[in-house]
Amino acid sequence: MSLTLRRWAPVLLFSLAPFAWFYASNLHEPIRLGDLFAYALATALCTCAITGLSEVLFRTRSYRISSIVASATLLFFSYRSLTESAVPAGLSKDSELVVYAILCLALLAVSTRWGARPSFHLFLTAFATANLAIALSIGVARSANPHSLESPEIRALPIPAEDVWSGTALRRPNIYWIVVDSYPNRRELLDYYGFDNTPFIQSLVRRGFDVTDESYANFSTTLLSIPSTLDMAYVFDEEDPVYEINRNGAWQRLPGKTHRGVNAAISGDNRTVSLLRQQGYAYVHFSGGTFLITRCQGREDVCLKATPATFSDLQYRLLSLTPLWDLLARSPTLRKTLHPRRQAASGTGIVELASQLEASQLPQPFFLYAHIASPHRPYANDPLCNLLPLDFDRRGNRHFLAQLSCVNRHLEQLLDSIQNRDPEAIIWLSSDHGPRLSIRKGSSIFSLSKTQVRESLGVLQAFRLPPDCQDQIPKNITPINGMRLIFACLSKEEPRWLPDRHYIARPDAPERGRIRRVQID
């Protein structure tokens, strides 16, 4: 090992370790090491550049400078863990920053005083090596565990086509599945929010849609609702009441009754895509710059992307490991600039989807899954679709309804664009769960009232099908039967329904990872 590399070793190791720990701690999300490579490389180059420039500036090549830079790097990326573990609970954000600054000054003083000593530098190198090695070993062990995360299990093998349909498509129109996250049905909008959505529903009817007024989701969370819909089966039910487990402080999602896990199912490894590909369909996935679990992950034939208006969810979460976010968020202007709106420049992502569809030459026929993270909060638009001013992350029913009104406007434009270009298309417009605004964070899933259950599960469902399929749509169809309806329409046969069941699951509940079966009264 060269003298320079030996001298800079702790700097390099402490630059890479945060990303290895982030990967190991977030295996329940669809994050790959490749997603973090550019950020890790940029960090390593930056810290090495700082070390080299400092050596030139101070005209020294002692261990002290690399020790100080290595310690500063460790402290910089340990901000979140330090403030959560070493700072007394209940302190204000300013107080947290003060305590963190004191800890930093103390460690940097030690590095300045003792950093030039070979023994201290050797200790830092050994500590940095062990830190990185532990993170990598945990990540590799968890991802390779045959009973963990996305690993296939015998009971997770795909169901045969005969359980869904005859297996032969007599027509092959393009299929659009557009999911507007947290969009309620008309009844819940009127009963709970006092909002009459009749004008929009009527506009859908004029465009040839059948709209169900009293549909309720099978699950109250995206990570269970979407894979169940795409697999056309309950990936978790009363026989599997746990969908996430905590192993050594890290939450891991169980695969359930899917092929390679719920994350893989959402991104294309599911029965819907598999059966349609057997009929010659291409799979088109729209990545709206939104939640990690709904982005393109390489399982699609075509990826349509909308550039996020600001930071992506991944970039924000990496930034929040450091003190930068809390410091920059003190400025309303910077908070607006840096906060992950999760939507594209339009505020909804729907305009970007329309533009991508118009500009792309897609293989025929195709199945499109487009997950729109709106009207889910944070809210970006007013009712006329103008972007909100600085305090855009508004909460409350009024701002939710404003966002929903903008979504209606953008959806009408999108649907007109699709129907003008593709008049024979099957279009399914739906939501994955209700808004859940009636539930306080931290509420037990077993304490919810009937009103809260309905508001959590009420969803929009609208189908534009060929005329001979329209009389097959039940007025209270649940998402798990939506694809079964579409497959029956392709083969011109009777749908093979699953019994409707409904479940409540919340990641912020005391019972995180558990499912509660409920009845819709």
Protein backbone atom coordinates (compact mmCIF):
# COMPACT_ATOMS: atom_id res chain seq x y z
CA MET A 1 0.00 0.00 0.00
CA SER A 2 1.43 3.39 -1.01
CA LEU A 3 2.09 6.01 1.65
CA THR A 4 -0.64 8.31 0.26
CA LEU A 5 -3.23 5.55 0.17
CA ARG A 6 -2.30 4.45 3.67
CA ARG A 7 -2.56 8.04 4.88
CA TRP A 8 -5.94 8.59 3.17
CA ALA A 9 -7.40 5.16 3.98
CA PRO A 10 -9.72 6.26 6.83
CA VAL A 11 -10.99 9.13 4.66
CA LEU A 12 -11.97 6.73 1.88
CA LEU A 13 -13.47 4.15 4.22
CA PHE A 14 -15.57 6.66 6.17
CA SER A 15 -16.78 8.10 2.84
CA LEU A 16 -18.11 4.73 1.66
CA ALA A 17 -19.48 3.36 4.93
CA PRO A 18 -22.62 5.58 5.17
CA PHE A 19 -23.91 4.27 1.85
CA ALA A 20 -23.23 0.65 2.83
CA TRP A 21 -25.15 1.20 6.08
CA PHE A 22 -27.98 2.93 4.20
CA TYR A 23 -28.27 -0.07 1.89
CA ALA A 24 -28.19 -2.57 4.77
CA SER A 25 -30.83 -0.63 6.71
CA ASN A 26 -33.24 -0.16 3.80
CA LEU A 27 -33.50 -3.57 2.20
CA HIS A 28 -37.27 -3.37 2.63
CA GLU A 29 -37.12 -0.71 -0.10
CA PRO A 30 -36.14 -1.49 -3.72
CA ILE A 31 -32.66 0.02 -3.33
CA ARG A 32 -29.71 -1.54 -5.10
CA LEU A 33 -26.03 -0.92 -4.46
CA GLY A 34 -25.84 0.47 -7.99
CA ASP A 35 -28.32 3.20 -7.02
CA LEU A 36 -25.87 4.44 -4.39
CA PHE A 37 -22.63 4.05 -6.36
CA ALA A 38 -22.57 7.55 -7.87
CA TYR A 39 -23.26 9.19 -4.50
CA ALA A 40 -20.59 7.11 -2.76
CA LEU A 41 -18.05 7.84 -5.49
CA ALA A 42 -18.79 11.57 -5.43
CA THR A 43 -18.42 11.63 -1.65
CA ALA A 44 -15.10 9.76 -1.78
CA LEU A 45 -13.73 12.08 -4.48
CA CYS A 46 -14.87 15.14 -2.53
CA THR A 47 -13.29 14.06 0.77
CA CYS A 48 -10.05 13.05 -0.96
CA ALA A 49 -9.96 16.40 -2.74
CA ILE A 50 -10.41 18.21 0.58
CA THR A 51 -7.61 16.13 2.09
CA GLY A 52 -5.26 16.79 -0.82
CA LEU A 53 -5.97 20.52 -0.96
CA SER A 54 -5.49 20.82 2.79
CA GLU A 55 -2.12 19.10 2.56
CA VAL A 56 -1.07 21.53 -0.15
CA LEU A 57 -2.41 24.53 1.74
CA PHE A 58 -0.73 23.63 5.03
CA ARG A 59 2.35 22.19 3.31
CA THR A 60 2.27 18.99 5.28
CA ARG A 61 1.60 15.34 4.65
CA SER A 62 1.20 14.25 8.22
CA TYR A 63 -1.52 11.95 9.46
CA ARG A 64 -3.21 14.85 11.26
CA ILE A 65 -5.06 16.25 8.22
CA SER A 66 -6.42 12.89 7.09
CA SER A 67 -7.43 12.10 10.67
CA ILE A 68 -9.36 15.38 10.92
CA VAL A 69 -11.07 14.92 7.54
CA ALA A 70 -11.93 11.29 8.33
CA SER A 71 -13.42 12.27 11.70
CA ALA A 72 -15.39 15.11 10.09
CA THR A 73 -16.76 12.73 7.44
CA LEU A 74 -17.85 10.27 10.11
CA LEU A 75 -19.58 13.03 12.08
CA PHE A 76 -21.20 14.54 8.99
CA PHE A 77 -22.98 11.33 8.00
CA SER A 78 -23.73 10.33 11.60
CA TYR A 79 -25.89 13.39 12.28
CA ARG A 80 -29.22 11.58 12.20
CA SER A 81 -28.09 8.62 14.29
CA LEU A 82 -26.32 10.88 16.82
CA THR A 83 -29.27 13.20 17.31
CA GLU A 84 -31.63 10.24 17.68
CA SER A 85 -29.45 8.33 20.15
CA ALA A 86 -27.16 10.78 21.95
CA VAL A 87 -29.42 13.83 22.18
CA PRO A 88 -31.98 13.87 25.04
CA ALA A 89 -35.56 13.43 23.85
CA GLY A 90 -37.82 16.45 23.70
CA LEU A 91 -35.19 19.01 22.75
CA SER A 92 -35.96 21.55 20.06
CA LYS A 93 -34.28 21.34 16.67
CA ASP A 94 -31.99 24.24 17.63
CA SER A 95 -30.99 22.41 20.81
CA GLU A 96 -30.27 19.24 18.83
CA LEU A 97 -27.96 21.19 16.55
CA VAL A 98 -26.15 22.70 19.55
CA VAL A 99 -25.58 19.28 21.17
CA TYR A 100 -24.43 17.87 17.84
CA ALA A 101 -22.03 20.79 17.38
CA ILE A 102 -20.55 20.17 20.85
CA LEU A 103 -20.01 16.49 20.04
CA CYS A 104 -18.35 17.45 16.76
CA LEU A 105 -16.04 19.99 18.37
CA ALA A 106 -15.00 17.47 21.00
CA LEU A 107 -14.10 14.75 18.50
CA LEU A 108 -12.40 17.17 16.12
CA ALA A 109 -10.35 18.56 19.02
CA VAL A 110 -9.19 15.02 19.82
CA SER A 111 -8.34 14.44 16.14
CA THR A 112 -6.43 17.70 15.98
CA ARG A 113 -4.52 16.94 19.18
CA TRP A 114 -3.71 13.29 18.54
CA GLY A 115 -4.28 12.87 14.79
CA ALA A 116 -0.63 13.12 13.81
CA ARG A 117 0.28 10.06 15.86
CA PRO A 118 0.57 6.83 13.85
CA SER A 119 -1.20 4.90 16.62
CA PHE A 120 -4.25 7.19 16.50
CA HIS A 121 -4.32 7.05 12.70
CA LEU A 122 -4.05 3.25 12.84
CA PHE A 123 -6.98 3.16 15.28
CA LEU A 124 -9.08 5.32 12.92
CA THR A 125 -8.21 3.08 9.97
CA ALA A 126 -9.08 -0.09 11.88
CA PHE A 127 -12.35 1.42 13.12
CA ALA A 128 -13.27 2.63 9.62
CA THR A 129 -12.44 -0.77 8.12
CA ALA A 130 -14.53 -2.61 10.69
CA ASN A 131 -17.40 -0.14 10.24
CA LEU A 132 -17.52 -0.66 6.48
CA ALA A 133 -17.03 -4.42 6.72
CA ILE A 134 -19.88 -4.82 9.21
CA ALA A 135 -22.24 -2.77 7.03
CA LEU A 136 -21.40 -4.76 3.91
CA SER A 137 -21.67 -8.11 5.69
CA ILE A 138 -25.06 -7.21 7.15
CA GLY A 139 -26.33 -6.08 3.75
CA VAL A 140 -25.07 -9.20 1.99
CA ALA A 141 -26.37 -11.53 4.72
CA ARG A 142 -29.82 -9.98 4.79
CA SER A 143 -30.21 -9.91 1.01
CA ALA A 144 -28.97 -13.51 0.70
CA ASN A 145 -31.14 -14.89 3.51
CA PRO A 146 -33.49 -17.43 1.88
CA HIS A 147 -36.24 -16.47 4.34
CA SER A 148 -35.76 -12.74 3.98
CA LEU A 149 -37.14 -9.94 1.90
CA GLU A 150 -37.47 -10.59 -1.82
CA SER A 151 -36.40 -14.24 -1.75
CA PRO A 152 -38.70 -16.74 -3.50
CA GLU A 153 -40.48 -19.31 -1.39
CA ILE A 154 -42.21 -22.50 -2.45
CA ARG A 155 -45.61 -21.18 -1.39
CA ALA A 156 -45.02 -18.02 -3.46
CA LEU A 157 -45.10 -19.66 -6.88
CA PRO A 158 -47.45 -18.01 -9.42
CA ILE A 159 -50.98 -19.33 -9.68
CA PRO A 160 -51.86 -21.03 -13.01
CA ALA A 161 -53.59 -19.01 -15.70
CA GLU A 162 -56.72 -21.17 -15.39
CA ASP A 163 -57.39 -19.62 -11.97
CA VAL A 164 -57.73 -16.22 -13.66
CA TRP A 165 -59.00 -16.86 -17.17
CA SER A 166 -58.96 -19.36 -20.06
CA GLY A 167 -55.50 -18.24 -21.17
CA THR A 168 -56.40 -17.07 -24.68
CA ALA A 169 -56.95 -13.44 -25.63
CA LEU A 170 -59.53 -12.93 -28.38
CA ARG A 171 -58.64 -9.22 -28.56
CA ARG A 172 -55.47 -7.36 -27.68
CA PRO A 173 -56.10 -3.66 -27.13
CA ASN A 174 -53.58 -1.54 -25.26
CA ILE A 175 -54.29 -1.52 -21.52
CA TYR A 176 -53.72 1.53 -19.34
CA TRP A 177 -53.80 1.17 -15.57
CA ILE A 178 -53.56 4.64 -14.05
CA VAL A 179 -53.37 4.73 -10.25
CA VAL A 180 -54.05 8.07 -8.56
CA ASP A 181 -52.75 7.57 -5.05
CA SER A 182 -55.20 8.21 -2.17
CA TYR A 183 -58.14 9.17 -4.39
CA PRO A 184 -61.46 8.37 -2.55
CA ASN A 185 -64.72 7.15 -4.02
CA ARG A 186 -67.62 9.57 -4.46
CA ARG A 187 -69.44 8.39 -1.34
CA GLU A 188 -66.49 8.99 1.01
CA LEU A 189 -65.74 12.33 -0.61
CA LEU A 190 -69.28 13.43 0.10
CA ASP A 191 -69.81 11.82 3.51
CA TYR A 192 -66.46 12.53 5.11
CA TYR A 193 -65.08 15.52 3.20
CA GLY A 194 -68.34 17.20 2.20
CA PHE A 195 -67.09 17.38 -1.39
CA ASP A 196 -69.39 16.64 -4.33
CA ASN A 197 -67.30 15.01 -7.04
CA THR A 198 -70.27 14.52 -9.35
CA PRO A 199 -69.03 16.85 -12.14
CA PHE A 200 -65.82 14.84 -12.53
CA ILE A 201 -67.64 11.50 -12.33
CA GLN A 202 -70.05 12.69 -15.01
CA SER A 203 -67.12 13.73 -17.19
CA LEU A 204 -65.79 10.18 -16.93
CA VAL A 205 -69.17 8.76 -17.88
CA ARG A 206 -69.27 11.02 -20.94
CA ARG A 207 -65.89 9.58 -21.93
CA GLY A 208 -67.28 6.04 -21.82
CA PHE A 209 -66.28 5.03 -18.28
CA ASP A 210 -68.28 2.99 -15.82
CA VAL A 211 -67.65 4.44 -12.37
CA THR A 212 -68.33 2.54 -9.17
CA ASP A 213 -69.45 4.84 -6.36
CA GLU A 214 -68.87 2.48 -3.44
CA SER A 215 -65.61 0.66 -4.10
CA TYR A 216 -63.23 -0.02 -1.21
CA ALA A 217 -59.61 -1.10 -1.39
CA ASN A 218 -58.49 -4.49 -0.16
CA PHE A 219 -55.57 -2.94 1.75
CA SER A 220 -54.99 0.49 3.24
CA THR A 221 -51.36 0.79 2.10
CA THR A 222 -49.68 0.87 -1.32
CA LEU A 223 -47.11 -1.82 -0.63
CA LEU A 224 -49.88 -4.39 -0.08
CA SER A 225 -52.62 -3.05 -2.35
CA ILE A 226 -50.61 -2.78 -5.58
CA PRO A 227 -48.96 -6.24 -5.53
CA SER A 228 -52.26 -7.87 -4.60
CA THR A 229 -53.95 -6.13 -7.52
CA LEU A 230 -51.21 -7.10 -9.99
CA ASP A 231 -50.99 -10.67 -8.73
CA MET A 232 -54.80 -10.93 -8.66
CA ALA A 233 -54.55 -12.65 -5.28
CA TYR A 234 -54.25 -11.67 -1.64
CA VAL A 235 -50.49 -11.58 -1.12
CA PHE A 236 -51.17 -11.35 2.62
CA ASP A 237 -54.41 -12.32 4.37
CA GLU A 238 -55.68 -13.60 7.68
CA GLU A 239 -53.43 -16.63 7.35
CA ASP A 240 -50.40 -14.30 7.06
CA PRO A 241 -51.08 -11.49 9.53
CA VAL A 242 -47.49 -10.17 9.41
CA TYR A 243 -46.02 -8.49 6.33
CA GLU A 244 -42.92 -6.86 7.86
CA ILE A 245 -40.55 -7.98 10.58
CA ASN A 246 -37.86 -6.19 12.56
CA ARG A 247 -34.53 -7.96 12.42
CA ASN A 248 -31.70 -6.44 14.40
CA GLY A 249 -33.25 -2.98 14.23
CA ALA A 250 -33.99 -3.03 10.48
CA TRP A 251 -37.46 -3.52 9.02
CA GLN A 252 -37.70 -6.17 6.33
CA ARG A 253 -40.69 -6.93 4.12
CA LEU A 254 -41.71 -10.52 3.80
CA PRO A 255 -42.37 -11.88 0.29
CA GLY A 256 -45.84 -13.16 1.06
CA LYS A 257 -47.61 -15.05 -1.72
CA THR A 258 -45.66 -13.41 -4.51
CA HIS A 259 -42.85 -14.62 -6.72
CA ARG A 260 -39.88 -12.56 -5.52
CA GLY A 261 -41.53 -10.24 -3.03
CA VAL A 262 -43.87 -7.28 -2.95
CA ASN A 263 -41.26 -4.80 -4.21
CA ALA A 264 -40.57 -6.95 -7.25
CA ALA A 265 -44.30 -7.46 -7.82
CA ILE A 266 -44.91 -3.71 -7.95
CA SER A 267 -42.18 -3.23 -10.55
CA GLY A 268 -43.25 -5.98 -12.96
CA ASP A 269 -42.61 -9.43 -11.47
CA ASN A 270 -46.28 -10.28 -11.15
CA ARG A 271 -48.98 -12.47 -12.68
CA THR A 272 -50.61 -9.69 -14.69
CA VAL A 273 -47.43 -8.84 -16.58
CA SER A 274 -46.48 -12.49 -16.96
CA LEU A 275 -49.83 -13.52 -18.44
CA LEU A 276 -50.01 -10.50 -20.74
CA ARG A 277 -46.48 -11.10 -22.03
CA GLN A 278 -47.59 -14.60 -22.98
CA GLN A 279 -50.16 -12.88 -25.21
CA GLY A 280 -47.55 -10.67 -26.87
CA TYR A 281 -47.93 -7.58 -24.66
CA ALA A 282 -45.04 -5.32 -23.74
CA TYR A 283 -44.86 -3.94 -20.21
CA VAL A 284 -44.58 -0.14 -19.94
CA HIS A 285 -43.85 1.36 -16.52
CA PHE A 286 -44.21 5.05 -15.73
CA SER A 287 -41.79 6.38 -13.13
CA GLY A 288 -43.09 9.73 -11.97
CA GLY A 289 -40.09 10.63 -9.84
CA THR A 290 -42.14 9.56 -6.83
CA PHE A 291 -41.91 6.86 -4.19
CA LEU A 292 -39.04 4.40 -4.40
CA ILE A 293 -41.31 1.37 -4.65
CA THR A 294 -43.08 2.66 -7.78
CA ARG A 295 -40.07 3.63 -9.87
CA CYS A 296 -38.67 1.68 -12.83
CA GLN A 297 -36.43 -1.14 -11.63
CA GLY A 298 -35.42 -2.86 -14.87
CA ARG A 299 -38.26 -5.39 -15.05
CA GLU A 300 -40.19 -3.31 -17.60
CA ASP A 301 -39.85 -3.39 -21.41
CA VAL A 302 -40.19 0.39 -21.61
CA CYS A 303 -39.63 2.90 -18.83
CA LEU A 304 -41.31 6.28 -19.13
CA LYS A 305 -39.80 8.83 -16.75
CA ALA A 306 -40.80 12.21 -15.45
CA THR A 307 -37.97 14.27 -14.02
CA PRO A 308 -38.75 15.26 -10.42
CA ALA A 309 -39.27 18.95 -9.79
CA THR A 310 -36.65 18.88 -7.03
CA PHE A 311 -34.87 16.08 -5.20
CA SER A 312 -35.94 12.49 -5.60
CA ASP A 313 -37.07 10.54 -2.57
CA LEU A 314 -33.72 8.70 -2.47
CA GLN A 315 -31.72 11.92 -2.66
CA TYR A 316 -33.73 13.49 0.12
CA ARG A 317 -33.28 10.49 2.39
CA LEU A 318 -29.52 10.51 1.85
CA LEU A 319 -29.40 14.23 2.54
CA SER A 320 -31.39 13.80 5.75
CA LEU A 321 -28.57 11.63 7.16
CA THR A 322 -26.51 14.81 7.41
CA PRO A 323 -27.07 18.13 9.21
CA LEU A 324 -27.51 19.89 5.86
CA TRP A 325 -31.25 19.29 5.64
CA ASP A 326 -32.05 20.65 9.09
CA LEU A 327 -29.80 23.65 8.48
CA LEU A 328 -31.09 24.46 5.02
CA ALA A 329 -34.71 23.81 5.98
CA ARG A 330 -34.54 26.81 8.31
CA SER A 331 -34.91 28.94 5.20
CA PRO A 332 -38.42 28.76 3.64
CA THR A 333 -36.95 29.37 0.19
CA LEU A 334 -34.37 26.60 0.49
CA ARG A 335 -36.93 24.29 2.11
CA LYS A 336 -39.12 24.70 -0.94
CA THR A 337 -36.17 24.07 -3.26
CA LEU A 338 -34.82 21.00 -1.50
CA HIS A 339 -37.90 19.22 -0.19
CA PRO A 340 -38.88 16.12 -2.22
CA ARG A 341 -42.27 17.13 -3.61
CA ARG A 342 -42.51 13.59 -5.01
CA GLN A 343 -44.29 15.05 -8.04
CA ALA A 344 -42.89 16.33 -11.28
CA ALA A 345 -42.89 19.96 -12.36
CA SER A 346 -46.67 20.03 -12.96
CA GLY A 347 -47.29 19.13 -9.32
CA THR A 348 -49.20 15.92 -10.13
CA GLY A 349 -47.06 14.05 -12.66
CA ILE A 350 -50.10 13.52 -14.88
CA VAL A 351 -49.06 16.15 -17.39
CA GLU A 352 -45.65 14.48 -17.65
CA LEU A 353 -47.28 11.10 -18.26
CA ALA A 354 -49.36 12.56 -21.08
CA SER A 355 -46.26 14.11 -22.64
CA GLN A 356 -44.31 10.86 -22.40
CA LEU A 357 -47.14 8.87 -24.01
CA GLU A 358 -47.47 11.35 -26.87
CA ALA A 359 -43.72 11.48 -27.51
CA SER A 360 -42.98 7.74 -27.30
CA GLN A 361 -43.31 5.08 -29.97
CA LEU A 362 -44.46 2.19 -27.81
CA PRO A 363 -44.49 -1.47 -28.89
CA GLN A 364 -47.98 -2.78 -29.63
CA PRO A 365 -49.89 -4.02 -27.75
CA PHE A 366 -48.75 -2.80 -24.35
CA PHE A 367 -49.81 -2.78 -20.73
CA LEU A 368 -49.05 0.48 -18.92
CA TYR A 369 -48.85 0.82 -15.14
CA ALA A 370 -48.64 4.50 -14.14
CA HIS A 371 -48.60 5.30 -10.44
CA ILE A 372 -49.43 8.96 -9.83
CA ALA A 373 -48.45 10.17 -6.34
CA SER A 374 -51.34 12.61 -6.17
CA PRO A 375 -53.67 13.64 -4.56
CA HIS A 376 -51.49 11.99 -1.91
CA ARG A 377 -49.74 14.62 0.20
CA PRO A 378 -47.57 16.68 0.16
CA TYR A 379 -49.88 18.92 -1.85
CA ALA A 380 -48.33 20.92 -4.65
CA ASN A 381 -51.29 22.59 -6.43
CA ASP A 382 -54.29 24.80 -5.88
CA PRO A 383 -57.65 23.86 -7.50
CA LEU A 384 -56.62 25.59 -10.76
CA CYS A 385 -53.35 23.63 -10.84
CA ASN A 386 -51.14 26.57 -9.99
CA LEU A 387 -48.15 25.49 -7.92
CA LEU A 388 -48.46 26.44 -4.26
CA PRO A 389 -46.16 29.07 -2.74
CA LEU A 390 -43.39 28.46 -0.22
CA ASP A 391 -45.36 26.57 2.41
CA PHE A 392 -46.52 24.01 -0.12
CA ASP A 393 -46.57 21.05 2.28
CA ARG A 394 -49.94 22.03 3.70
CA ARG A 395 -52.04 19.61 5.66
CA GLY A 396 -55.75 19.36 6.16
CA ASN A 397 -58.84 18.47 4.20
CA ARG A 398 -59.07 21.81 2.42
CA HIS A 399 -55.66 21.45 0.82
CA PHE A 400 -56.31 17.80 -0.02
CA LEU A 401 -59.48 18.77 -1.88
CA ALA A 402 -57.63 21.52 -3.71
CA GLN A 403 -55.07 18.97 -4.89
CA LEU A 404 -57.82 16.55 -5.88
CA SER A 405 -59.51 19.26 -7.97
CA CYS A 406 -56.27 19.82 -9.84
CA VAL A 407 -55.87 16.06 -10.35
CA ASN A 408 -59.35 16.02 -11.91
CA ARG A 409 -58.34 18.72 -14.40
CA HIS A 410 -55.13 16.95 -15.37
CA LEU A 411 -56.84 13.56 -15.62
CA GLU A 412 -59.46 14.90 -18.03
CA GLN A 413 -56.68 16.21 -20.28
CA LEU A 414 -54.78 12.91 -20.07
CA LEU A 415 -57.83 10.78 -20.84
CA ASP A 416 -58.75 12.94 -23.83
CA SER A 417 -55.21 12.57 -25.14
CA ILE A 418 -55.27 8.78 -24.75
CA GLN A 419 -58.71 8.34 -26.28
CA ASN A 420 -57.95 10.58 -29.26
CA ARG A 421 -54.78 8.63 -29.98
CA ASP A 422 -55.90 5.15 -28.89
CA PRO A 423 -59.73 4.92 -29.10
CA GLU A 424 -59.88 1.13 -28.67
CA ALA A 425 -57.80 1.13 -25.47
CA ILE A 426 -58.92 -0.40 -22.20
CA ILE A 427 -58.42 2.18 -19.45
CA TRP A 428 -58.66 1.46 -15.75
CA LEU A 429 -58.52 4.54 -13.54
CA SER A 430 -58.26 3.66 -9.85
CA SER A 431 -56.69 4.33 -6.49
CA ASP A 432 -54.72 2.02 -4.23
CA HIS A 433 -56.19 3.21 -0.90
CA GLY A 434 -58.08 6.10 0.67
CA PRO A 435 -56.54 9.35 1.97
CA ARG A 436 -56.40 8.20 5.64
CA LEU A 437 -56.45 11.83 6.79
CA SER A 438 -58.79 11.02 9.68
CA ILE A 439 -56.09 8.94 11.39
CA ARG A 440 -53.46 10.47 13.64
CA LYS A 441 -49.89 9.25 13.25
CA GLY A 442 -49.16 6.49 15.75
CA SER A 443 -52.78 5.35 16.08
CA SER A 444 -53.35 1.67 16.67
CA ILE A 445 -54.93 -0.21 13.77
CA PHE A 446 -57.26 -1.81 16.32
CA SER A 447 -58.55 1.54 17.60
CA LEU A 448 -59.95 2.89 14.34
CA SER A 449 -63.63 3.75 14.12
CA LYS A 450 -65.89 2.58 11.30
CA THR A 451 -65.65 6.05 9.77
CA GLN A 452 -61.85 5.92 9.81
CA VAL A 453 -61.85 2.46 8.28
CA ARG A 454 -64.10 3.57 5.43
CA GLU A 455 -62.10 6.74 4.84
CA SER A 456 -58.89 4.67 4.73
CA LEU A 457 -60.23 2.22 2.16
CA GLY A 458 -62.70 4.13 -0.06
CA VAL A 459 -61.23 4.34 -3.58
CA LEU A 460 -62.03 5.62 -7.04
CA GLN A 461 -62.69 2.88 -9.61
CA ALA A 462 -63.52 3.68 -13.23
CA PHE A 463 -63.31 1.29 -16.19
CA ARG A 464 -63.44 2.06 -19.89
CA LEU A 465 -64.07 -1.35 -21.47
CA PRO A 466 -65.49 -2.60 -24.76
CA PRO A 467 -69.33 -2.42 -24.75
CA ASP A 468 -69.80 -6.18 -24.35
CA CYS A 469 -67.79 -6.13 -21.09
CA GLN A 470 -69.50 -3.23 -19.37
CA ASP A 471 -72.34 -5.22 -17.84
CA GLN A 472 -69.82 -7.38 -15.96
CA ILE A 473 -68.69 -4.60 -13.60
CA PRO A 474 -70.07 -4.94 -10.04
CA LYS A 475 -70.93 -1.61 -8.43
CA ASN A 476 -68.63 -2.37 -5.47
CA ILE A 477 -65.74 -4.13 -7.29
CA THR A 478 -62.50 -4.16 -5.29
CA PRO A 479 -59.05 -3.63 -6.84
CA ILE A 480 -58.05 -7.27 -6.44
CA ASN A 481 -60.70 -8.19 -9.05
CA GLY A 482 -59.93 -5.34 -11.46
CA MET A 483 -57.38 -7.26 -13.51
CA ARG A 484 -59.53 -10.37 -13.41
CA LEU A 485 -62.30 -8.30 -15.02
CA ILE A 486 -59.91 -7.07 -17.72
CA PHE A 487 -58.62 -10.58 -18.48
CA ALA A 488 -62.20 -11.84 -18.77
CA CYS A 489 -62.88 -9.03 -21.22
CA LEU A 490 -59.85 -9.96 -23.32
CA SER A 491 -61.09 -13.54 -23.63
CA LYS A 492 -64.82 -12.64 -23.79
CA GLU A 493 -65.70 -14.86 -20.86
CA GLU A 494 -67.17 -14.53 -17.39
CA PRO A 495 -64.83 -13.09 -14.75
CA ARG A 496 -63.45 -15.46 -12.15
CA TRP A 497 -63.92 -13.36 -9.02
CA LEU A 498 -62.14 -13.60 -5.71
CA PRO A 499 -64.16 -12.95 -2.53
CA ASP A 500 -63.83 -9.35 -1.36
CA ARG A 501 -61.83 -8.85 1.83
CA HIS A 502 -60.50 -5.68 3.41
CA TYR A 503 -57.47 -5.09 5.63
CA ILE A 504 -55.97 -2.22 7.58
CA ALA A 505 -52.19 -1.89 7.80
CA ARG A 506 -50.20 1.20 8.76
CA PRO A 507 -46.39 1.60 8.86
CA ASP A 508 -46.61 4.23 11.62
CA ALA A 509 -48.87 2.20 13.94
CA PRO A 510 -47.62 0.54 17.14
CA GLU A 511 -48.44 -2.75 15.41
CA ARG A 512 -46.19 -2.00 12.44
CA GLY A 513 -46.00 -5.00 10.14
CA ARG A 514 -49.33 -6.46 11.24
CA ILE A 515 -52.63 -6.62 9.36
CA ARG A 516 -56.15 -6.23 10.70
CA ARG A 517 -59.10 -7.58 8.75
CA VAL A 518 -62.11 -5.25 8.79
CA GLN A 519 -65.68 -5.15 7.52
CA ILE A 520 -67.11 -2.33 5.41
CA ASP A 521 -70.53 -1.43 6.84
